[in-house]
Amino acid sequence: MPRIPDVSGYSVDELSTLISLANKRMSEIRGKRIKELQAELDKLGAGADGKARPGRRKSTSRRPGGMATLKRTDTATRTVPAQFRGPNGEEYSGRGAIPKWARALGVNDRADLEKYRIK
C-alpha cells in the first residue's frame, strides 16, 4: 500500500487539486474493474453455443457511479391496471396525481378514493 503524503502544509487549492485527481483515478480504476467483471459475467452467462441463457436480467445501462439501472424504455411502457373507477367509467391506476374526475367528485386525498376502488 502506498504511503499517504503529509498534506498538513497544503493550501486549499492544492488539496482540491489532489482530491479531484484522486477521484478521477478512482473512477478510472472503477470503470476498468466494472468492464472486467461484466466481461466475466457475460462469459459465465453464455451457453455452449454462445447464446444467452433464458431467464437472464433485462439489459441495463450504467450510471457514471457504476450502478446498473433498467433502461427507461423498459419502465416507461409498462401499463398498470386500474385500481379505481369513477361513476362514468373513468379509470385511475393509483399512480400520479389524483385525476380531475375524482377531484370533481370531492376527493381530496387517496383515502377518499377508497369508495371508488375496483373490487
C-alpha atoms as a PDB file:
ATOM      1  CA  MET A   1       0.000   0.000   0.000  1.00  0.00           C
ATOM      2  CA  PRO A   2       1.472   3.396  -0.956  1.00  0.00           C
ATOM      3  CA  ARG A   3       2.348   5.867   1.738  1.00  0.00           C
ATOM      4  CA  ILE A   4      -0.054   8.751   2.187  1.00  0.00           C
ATOM      5  CA  PRO A   5       1.756  12.075   1.775  1.00  0.00           C
ATOM      6  CA  ASP A   6       1.811  14.614   4.590  1.00  0.00           C
ATOM      7  CA  VAL A   7      -0.784  17.173   3.485  1.00  0.00           C
ATOM      8  CA  SER A   8      -0.587  19.429   6.525  1.00  0.00           C
ATOM      9  CA  GLY A   9       1.301  22.110   4.564  1.00  0.00           C
ATOM     10  CA  TYR A  10      -1.011  22.062   1.509  1.00  0.00           C
ATOM     11  CA  SER A  11      -3.174  25.042   0.635  1.00  0.00           C
ATOM     12  CA  VAL A  12      -6.907  24.727  -0.057  1.00  0.00           C
ATOM     13  CA  ASP A  13      -6.280  24.884  -3.816  1.00  0.00           C
ATOM     14  CA  GLU A  14      -3.623  22.193  -3.626  1.00  0.00           C
ATOM     15  CA  LEU A  15      -5.892  19.964  -1.548  1.00  0.00           C
ATOM     16  CA  SER A  16      -8.767  20.497  -4.002  1.00  0.00           C
ATOM     17  CA  THR A  17      -6.496  19.558  -6.900  1.00  0.00           C
ATOM     18  CA  LEU A  18      -5.278  16.460  -5.067  1.00  0.00           C
ATOM     19  CA  ILE A  19      -8.843  15.388  -4.291  1.00  0.00           C
ATOM     20  CA  SER A  20     -10.002  15.870  -7.886  1.00  0.00           C
ATOM     21  CA  LEU A  21      -7.016  13.888  -9.208  1.00  0.00           C
ATOM     22  CA  ALA A  22      -7.690  11.098  -6.715  1.00  0.00           C
ATOM     23  CA  ASN A  23     -11.383  11.000  -7.665  1.00  0.00           C
ATOM     24  CA  LYS A  24     -10.509  10.872 -11.360  1.00  0.00           C
ATOM     25  CA  ARG A  25      -8.087   8.000 -10.811  1.00  0.00           C
ATOM     26  CA  MET A  26     -10.639   6.161  -8.676  1.00  0.00           C
ATOM     27  CA  SER A  27     -13.244   6.486 -11.426  1.00  0.00           C
ATOM     28  CA  GLU A  28     -10.798   5.126 -13.994  1.00  0.00           C
ATOM     29  CA  ILE A  29      -9.967   2.123 -11.821  1.00  0.00           C
ATOM     30  CA  ARG A  30     -13.647   1.501 -11.013  1.00  0.00           C
ATOM     31  CA  GLY A  31     -14.654   1.685 -14.681  1.00  0.00           C
ATOM     32  CA  LYS A  32     -11.899  -0.732 -15.682  1.00  0.00           C
ATOM     33  CA  ARG A  33     -12.916  -3.173 -12.951  1.00  0.00           C
ATOM     34  CA  ILE A  34     -16.586  -2.957 -13.921  1.00  0.00           C
ATOM     35  CA  LYS A  35     -15.696  -3.796 -17.529  1.00  0.00           C
ATOM     36  CA  GLU A  36     -13.633  -6.778 -16.383  1.00  0.00           C
ATOM     37  CA  LEU A  37     -16.431  -8.080 -14.181  1.00  0.00           C
ATOM     38  CA  GLN A  38     -19.042  -7.523 -16.910  1.00  0.00           C
ATOM     39  CA  ALA A  39     -16.926  -9.493 -19.376  1.00  0.00           C
ATOM     40  CA  GLU A  40     -16.589 -12.300 -16.848  1.00  0.00           C
ATOM     41  CA  LEU A  41     -20.337 -12.311 -16.188  1.00  0.00           C
ATOM     42  CA  ASP A  42     -21.077 -12.346 -19.907  1.00  0.00           C
ATOM     43  CA  LYS A  43     -18.716 -15.273 -20.340  1.00  0.00           C
ATOM     44  CA  LEU A  44     -20.354 -17.175 -17.454  1.00  0.00           C
ATOM     45  CA  GLY A  45     -23.878 -16.327 -18.616  1.00  0.00           C
ATOM     46  CA  ALA A  46     -23.483 -17.614 -22.166  1.00  0.00           C
ATOM     47  CA  GLY A  47     -24.337 -21.215 -23.007  1.00  0.00           C
ATOM     48  CA  ALA A  48     -22.146 -23.589 -25.001  1.00  0.00           C
ATOM     49  CA  ASP A  49     -23.490 -22.150 -28.258  1.00  0.00           C
ATOM     50  CA  GLY A  50     -22.607 -18.590 -27.181  1.00  0.00           C
ATOM     51  CA  LYS A  51     -26.243 -17.514 -26.813  1.00  0.00           C
ATOM     52  CA  ALA A  52     -27.561 -16.043 -23.600  1.00  0.00           C
ATOM     53  CA  ARG A  53     -29.356 -18.373 -21.236  1.00  0.00           C
ATOM     54  CA  PRO A  54     -33.089 -17.872 -20.746  1.00  0.00           C
ATOM     55  CA  GLY A  55     -34.183 -16.006 -17.666  1.00  0.00           C
ATOM     56  CA  ARG A  56     -31.352 -13.515 -17.668  1.00  0.00           C
ATOM     57  CA  ARG A  57     -31.989  -9.971 -16.488  1.00  0.00           C
ATOM     58  CA  LYS A  58     -33.086  -7.259 -18.866  1.00  0.00           C
ATOM     59  CA  SER A  59     -30.349  -5.170 -20.361  1.00  0.00           C
ATOM     60  CA  THR A  60     -29.082  -2.427 -18.138  1.00  0.00           C
ATOM     61  CA  SER A  61     -27.311   0.835 -18.584  1.00  0.00           C
ATOM     62  CA  ARG A  62     -24.569   2.104 -16.347  1.00  0.00           C
ATOM     63  CA  ARG A  63     -24.648   5.359 -14.456  1.00  0.00           C
ATOM     64  CA  PRO A  64     -21.386   7.243 -14.007  1.00  0.00           C
ATOM     65  CA  GLY A  65     -21.198   5.938 -10.440  1.00  0.00           C
ATOM     66  CA  GLY A  66     -21.302   2.360 -11.732  1.00  0.00           C
ATOM     67  CA  MET A  67     -24.834   1.495 -10.623  1.00  0.00           C
ATOM     68  CA  ALA A  68     -26.925  -0.560 -13.011  1.00  0.00           C
ATOM     69  CA  THR A  69     -30.435   0.626 -13.834  1.00  0.00           C
ATOM     70  CA  LEU A  70     -33.189  -0.597 -16.092  1.00  0.00           C
ATOM     71  CA  LYS A  71     -33.414   1.268 -19.354  1.00  0.00           C
ATOM     72  CA  ARG A  72     -36.120   3.913 -19.404  1.00  0.00           C
ATOM     73  CA  THR A  73     -37.910   2.175 -22.282  1.00  0.00           C
ATOM     74  CA  ASP A  74     -38.401  -0.893 -20.065  1.00  0.00           C
ATOM     75  CA  THR A  75     -40.224   1.051 -17.371  1.00  0.00           C
ATOM     76  CA  ALA A  76     -41.916   3.739 -19.469  1.00  0.00           C
ATOM     77  CA  THR A  77     -44.026   1.289 -21.479  1.00  0.00           C
ATOM     78  CA  ARG A  78     -45.382  -0.716 -18.556  1.00  0.00           C
ATOM     79  CA  THR A  79     -49.115  -0.498 -18.069  1.00  0.00           C
ATOM     80  CA  VAL A  80     -50.591  -0.597 -14.597  1.00  0.00           C
ATOM     81  CA  PRO A  81     -54.086  -1.996 -14.132  1.00  0.00           C
ATOM     82  CA  ALA A  82     -56.738   0.420 -12.936  1.00  0.00           C
ATOM     83  CA  GLN A  83     -57.436   0.334  -9.212  1.00  0.00           C
ATOM     84  CA  PHE A  84     -60.217   2.923  -9.134  1.00  0.00           C
ATOM     85  CA  ARG A  85     -63.238   3.540 -11.375  1.00  0.00           C
ATOM     86  CA  GLY A  86     -65.424   6.617 -11.444  1.00  0.00           C
ATOM     87  CA  PRO A  87     -69.207   6.684 -11.871  1.00  0.00           C
ATOM     88  CA  ASN A  88     -68.905   7.378 -15.615  1.00  0.00           C
ATOM     89  CA  GLY A  89     -66.366   4.594 -16.232  1.00  0.00           C
ATOM     90  CA  GLU A  90     -63.211   6.703 -15.833  1.00  0.00           C
ATOM     91  CA  GLU A  91     -60.264   4.693 -14.561  1.00  0.00           C
ATOM     92  CA  TYR A  92     -57.271   5.571 -12.392  1.00  0.00           C
ATOM     93  CA  SER A  93     -54.291   3.352 -11.655  1.00  0.00           C
ATOM     94  CA  GLY A  94     -53.467   4.965  -8.336  1.00  0.00           C
ATOM     95  CA  ARG A  95     -50.222   6.447  -9.634  1.00  0.00           C
ATOM     96  CA  GLY A  96     -49.555  10.110 -10.128  1.00  0.00           C
ATOM     97  CA  ALA A  97     -51.848  12.979  -9.274  1.00  0.00           C
ATOM     98  CA  ILE A  98     -55.466  12.393  -8.390  1.00  0.00           C
ATOM     99  CA  PRO A  99     -57.426  12.746 -11.655  1.00  0.00           C
ATOM    100  CA  LYS A 100     -59.827  15.584 -12.447  1.00  0.00           C
ATOM    101  CA  TRP A 101     -62.892  13.351 -12.388  1.00  0.00           C
ATOM    102  CA  ALA A 102     -62.106  12.373  -8.795  1.00  0.00           C
ATOM    103  CA  ARG A 103     -61.428  15.983  -7.766  1.00  0.00           C
ATOM    104  CA  ALA A 104     -64.786  16.969  -9.257  1.00  0.00           C
ATOM    105  CA  LEU A 105     -66.439  14.347  -7.014  1.00  0.00           C
ATOM    106  CA  GLY A 106     -64.861  15.903  -3.911  1.00  0.00           C
ATOM    107  CA  VAL A 107     -61.912  13.539  -3.486  1.00  0.00           C
ATOM    108  CA  ASN A 108     -59.105  15.402  -1.719  1.00  0.00           C
ATOM    109  CA  ASP A 109     -56.700  12.576  -0.881  1.00  0.00           C
ATOM    110  CA  ARG A 110     -56.126   8.904  -1.565  1.00  0.00           C
ATOM    111  CA  ALA A 111     -58.171   7.829   1.451  1.00  0.00           C
ATOM    112  CA  ASP A 112     -61.258   9.403  -0.143  1.00  0.00           C
ATOM    113  CA  LEU A 113     -60.679   7.278  -3.254  1.00  0.00           C
ATOM    114  CA  GLU A 114     -61.387   4.008  -1.417  1.00  0.00           C
ATOM    115  CA  LYS A 115     -65.103   4.142  -2.202  1.00  0.00           C
ATOM    116  CA  TYR A 116     -64.197   4.057  -5.919  1.00  0.00           C
ATOM    117  CA  ARG A 117     -61.821   1.074  -5.621  1.00  0.00           C
ATOM    118  CA  ILE A 118     -62.402  -1.718  -8.130  1.00  0.00           C
ATOM    119  CA  LYS A 119     -63.180  -4.894  -6.212  1.00  0.00           C
END
